[in-house]
Amino acid sequence: MEQKTFKKNLWNTAGKAGLILGLVSASYLFITQSLGQAEIPALLNSLAGGLLWLGKFIGCIWLMRFFMKKFVTENAGTDNSATFRLGMAMSLLSAIILAAFSFANVAFISPDFFAEQMDAVMQQLGPMMDSNSLNEMDKMLENLPQITFFSNLIYCFIYGMILSFILSRSIPSKDPFADYKPEEQ
């Protein structure tokens, strides 16, 4: 019964954390997209984009660490492997949320924006391509929402898995003297 409660707590925490991490990443996606469409100088746009990326990068690491530490304090006896499993679950759920938002963005919210971007690329690369390559690029545009979904899902899950591995090595912290037993005199 205790194992069932522990798994329930793990997935509840992972669900909440995954939702927050996914929404932070999706917010970054939409903010940077609207920055790209804004009529501001390129230098300011690049600077703002870089600062936003750094904030998202550090913020997501901090959030994952925060939720891992919170889970350890709320669940006595949690070891490093359970913390890693929590991180994996958070990574999977946040990757699904971000991938869904990016799919919706490409397929429904801003399809014209992405079609314009592909047209600009086609105009630049078109003279260097043969007709078969141009046809394949058109097919790729038709599949862009699916490509975006799966590429974001895989990338974010792998990134989160690596981050979980790194963070879980020190959460919970190990007592280096736990096995030390002074000699009896």
Protein backbone atom coordinates (compact mmCIF):
# COMPACT_ATOMS: atom_id res chain seq x y z
CA MET A 1 0.00 0.00 0.00
CA GLU A 2 2.86 2.37 0.83
CA GLN A 3 4.46 1.79 -2.61
CA LYS A 4 1.15 2.68 -4.29
CA THR A 5 0.94 5.93 -2.32
CA PHE A 6 4.55 6.74 -3.16
CA LYS A 7 3.91 6.26 -6.91
CA LYS A 8 0.77 8.38 -6.66
CA ASN A 9 2.74 11.16 -4.94
CA LEU A 10 5.47 10.88 -7.58
CA TRP A 11 3.02 11.24 -10.48
CA ASN A 12 1.06 14.03 -8.75
CA THR A 13 4.25 16.01 -8.22
CA ALA A 14 5.45 15.21 -11.74
CA GLY A 15 2.12 16.31 -13.19
CA LYS A 16 2.15 19.68 -11.44
CA ALA A 17 5.82 20.28 -12.18
CA GLY A 18 5.48 19.10 -15.79
CA LEU A 19 2.57 21.45 -16.33
CA ILE A 20 4.51 24.41 -14.95
CA LEU A 21 7.70 23.56 -16.89
CA GLY A 22 5.70 23.02 -20.09
CA LEU A 23 3.86 26.31 -19.70
CA VAL A 24 7.09 28.20 -19.02
CA SER A 25 8.62 26.77 -22.20
CA ALA A 26 5.46 27.40 -24.23
CA SER A 27 5.34 30.99 -22.98
CA TYR A 28 8.92 31.44 -24.11
CA LEU A 29 7.96 30.03 -27.52
CA PHE A 30 5.15 32.53 -28.02
CA ILE A 31 7.03 35.50 -26.58
CA THR A 32 10.04 34.97 -28.85
CA GLN A 33 7.77 34.45 -31.84
CA SER A 34 6.00 37.75 -31.17
CA LEU A 35 9.39 39.43 -30.65
CA GLY A 36 10.43 38.18 -34.08
CA GLN A 37 7.36 39.77 -35.61
CA ALA A 38 7.78 43.07 -33.75
CA GLU A 39 9.19 46.09 -35.50
CA ILE A 40 12.24 46.58 -33.28
CA PRO A 41 15.90 46.81 -34.27
CA ALA A 42 17.65 43.49 -34.81
CA LEU A 43 20.19 44.11 -32.06
CA LEU A 44 17.49 44.72 -29.45
CA ASN A 45 15.55 41.73 -30.72
CA SER A 46 18.63 39.50 -30.41
CA LEU A 47 19.46 40.85 -26.97
CA ALA A 48 15.91 40.37 -25.71
CA GLY A 49 15.78 36.88 -27.20
CA GLY A 50 19.08 35.95 -25.59
CA LEU A 51 18.00 37.24 -22.18
CA LEU A 52 14.69 35.41 -22.46
CA TRP A 53 16.45 32.19 -23.41
CA LEU A 54 18.85 32.51 -20.49
CA GLY A 55 15.95 33.18 -18.13
CA LYS A 56 14.06 30.15 -19.43
CA PHE A 57 17.15 27.95 -19.26
CA ILE A 58 18.04 28.89 -15.68
CA GLY A 59 14.40 29.02 -14.62
CA CYS A 60 13.63 25.51 -15.87
CA ILE A 61 16.70 24.09 -14.14
CA TRP A 62 15.75 25.87 -10.93
CA LEU A 63 12.12 24.69 -11.16
CA MET A 64 13.14 21.08 -11.72
CA ARG A 65 15.54 21.22 -8.77
CA PHE A 66 12.88 22.91 -6.62
CA PHE A 67 10.27 20.23 -7.34
CA MET A 68 12.79 17.44 -6.76
CA LYS A 69 13.81 18.86 -3.39
CA LYS A 70 10.19 19.46 -2.43
CA PHE A 71 9.35 15.85 -3.29
CA VAL A 72 12.23 14.56 -1.18
CA THR A 73 11.17 16.63 1.85
CA GLU A 74 7.54 15.53 1.54
CA ASN A 75 8.35 11.83 1.04
CA ALA A 76 10.66 10.44 3.69
CA GLY A 77 13.01 7.71 2.54
CA THR A 78 13.24 8.96 -1.03
CA ASP A 79 16.50 7.92 -2.66
CA ASN A 80 18.37 9.20 -5.70
CA SER A 81 16.74 6.71 -8.09
CA ALA A 82 13.25 7.84 -7.05
CA THR A 83 14.30 11.44 -7.59
CA PHE A 84 15.57 10.49 -11.04
CA ARG A 85 12.23 8.77 -11.83
CA LEU A 86 10.44 11.94 -10.75
CA GLY A 87 12.66 13.99 -13.05
CA MET A 88 11.99 11.60 -15.94
CA ALA A 89 8.23 11.87 -15.38
CA MET A 90 8.46 15.69 -15.18
CA SER A 91 10.49 15.70 -18.39
CA LEU A 92 8.02 13.51 -20.24
CA LEU A 93 4.97 15.49 -19.18
CA SER A 94 6.52 18.90 -19.82
CA ALA A 95 7.79 17.70 -23.21
CA ILE A 96 4.27 16.57 -24.15
CA ILE A 97 2.82 19.95 -23.14
CA LEU A 98 5.44 21.95 -25.05
CA ALA A 99 5.15 19.68 -28.10
CA ALA A 100 1.36 20.09 -28.08
CA PHE A 101 1.66 23.88 -27.89
CA SER A 102 4.22 23.95 -30.70
CA PHE A 103 2.01 21.68 -32.83
CA ALA A 104 -0.99 23.93 -32.22
CA ASN A 105 1.11 26.99 -33.03
CA VAL A 106 2.29 25.64 -36.37
CA ALA A 107 -0.99 23.98 -37.36
CA PHE A 108 -3.66 26.36 -36.06
CA ILE A 109 -2.45 29.53 -34.33
CA SER A 110 0.20 30.90 -36.71
CA PRO A 111 0.24 28.78 -39.88
CA ASP A 112 0.58 31.89 -42.06
CA PHE A 113 3.73 32.96 -40.19
CA PHE A 114 5.39 29.61 -40.85
CA ALA A 115 4.22 29.56 -44.48
CA GLU A 116 5.81 33.01 -44.97
CA GLN A 117 9.03 31.76 -43.39
CA MET A 118 9.11 28.73 -45.69
CA ASP A 119 8.37 30.94 -48.71
CA ALA A 120 11.32 33.16 -47.79
CA VAL A 121 13.56 30.11 -47.53
CA MET A 122 12.25 28.77 -50.84
CA GLN A 123 12.97 32.08 -52.56
CA GLN A 124 16.55 32.03 -51.33
CA LEU A 125 17.23 28.36 -51.96
CA GLY A 126 14.91 27.86 -54.94
CA PRO A 127 17.42 28.75 -57.66
CA MET A 128 19.87 26.20 -56.22
CA MET A 129 17.34 23.33 -56.13
CA ASP A 130 15.96 21.04 -58.78
CA SER A 131 12.23 20.33 -59.19
CA ASN A 132 12.34 17.16 -57.06
CA SER A 133 13.91 19.02 -54.15
CA LEU A 134 11.33 21.78 -54.45
CA ASN A 135 8.52 19.21 -54.39
CA GLU A 136 10.00 17.59 -51.28
CA MET A 137 10.21 20.98 -49.57
CA ASP A 138 6.51 21.52 -50.31
CA LYS A 139 5.71 18.12 -48.79
CA MET A 140 7.76 19.02 -45.75
CA LEU A 141 5.66 22.15 -45.27
CA GLU A 142 2.54 19.98 -45.23
CA ASN A 143 4.08 17.82 -42.48
CA LEU A 144 5.63 20.69 -40.52
CA PRO A 145 3.19 20.46 -37.56
CA GLN A 146 3.96 16.76 -37.06
CA ILE A 147 7.69 17.30 -37.50
CA THR A 148 7.55 20.13 -34.97
CA PHE A 149 5.60 18.01 -32.48
CA PHE A 150 7.90 15.00 -32.55
CA SER A 151 11.15 16.97 -32.71
CA ASN A 152 10.15 19.06 -29.68
CA LEU A 153 8.92 15.99 -27.82
CA ILE A 154 12.15 14.07 -28.36
CA TYR A 155 14.47 17.02 -27.76
CA CYS A 156 12.76 18.20 -24.58
CA PHE A 157 12.50 14.70 -23.14
CA ILE A 158 16.17 13.95 -23.77
CA TYR A 159 17.20 17.33 -22.34
CA GLY A 160 15.03 16.76 -19.27
CA MET A 161 16.31 13.23 -18.83
CA ILE A 162 19.93 14.42 -18.82
CA LEU A 163 19.08 17.25 -16.44
CA SER A 164 17.23 14.80 -14.17
CA PHE A 165 20.23 12.52 -14.12
CA ILE A 166 22.55 15.36 -13.17
CA LEU A 167 20.28 16.83 -10.49
CA SER A 168 19.22 13.51 -8.97
CA ARG A 169 22.82 12.63 -8.11
CA SER A 170 22.74 15.20 -5.30
CA ILE A 171 19.04 15.13 -4.38
CA PRO A 172 18.67 13.87 -1.69
CA SER A 173 22.13 14.65 -0.47
CA LYS A 174 24.14 11.69 0.71
CA ASP A 175 25.71 11.51 4.13
CA PRO A 176 29.38 10.65 3.55
CA PHE A 177 29.66 9.38 7.11
CA ALA A 178 26.59 7.12 7.08
CA ASP A 179 28.66 3.94 6.93
CA TYR A 180 31.31 5.15 9.39
CA LYS A 181 31.41 3.20 12.61
CA PRO A 182 34.06 4.16 15.13
CA GLU A 183 36.06 1.28 16.49
CA GLU A 184 34.88 -0.03 19.78
CA GLN A 185 37.41 0.44 22.59
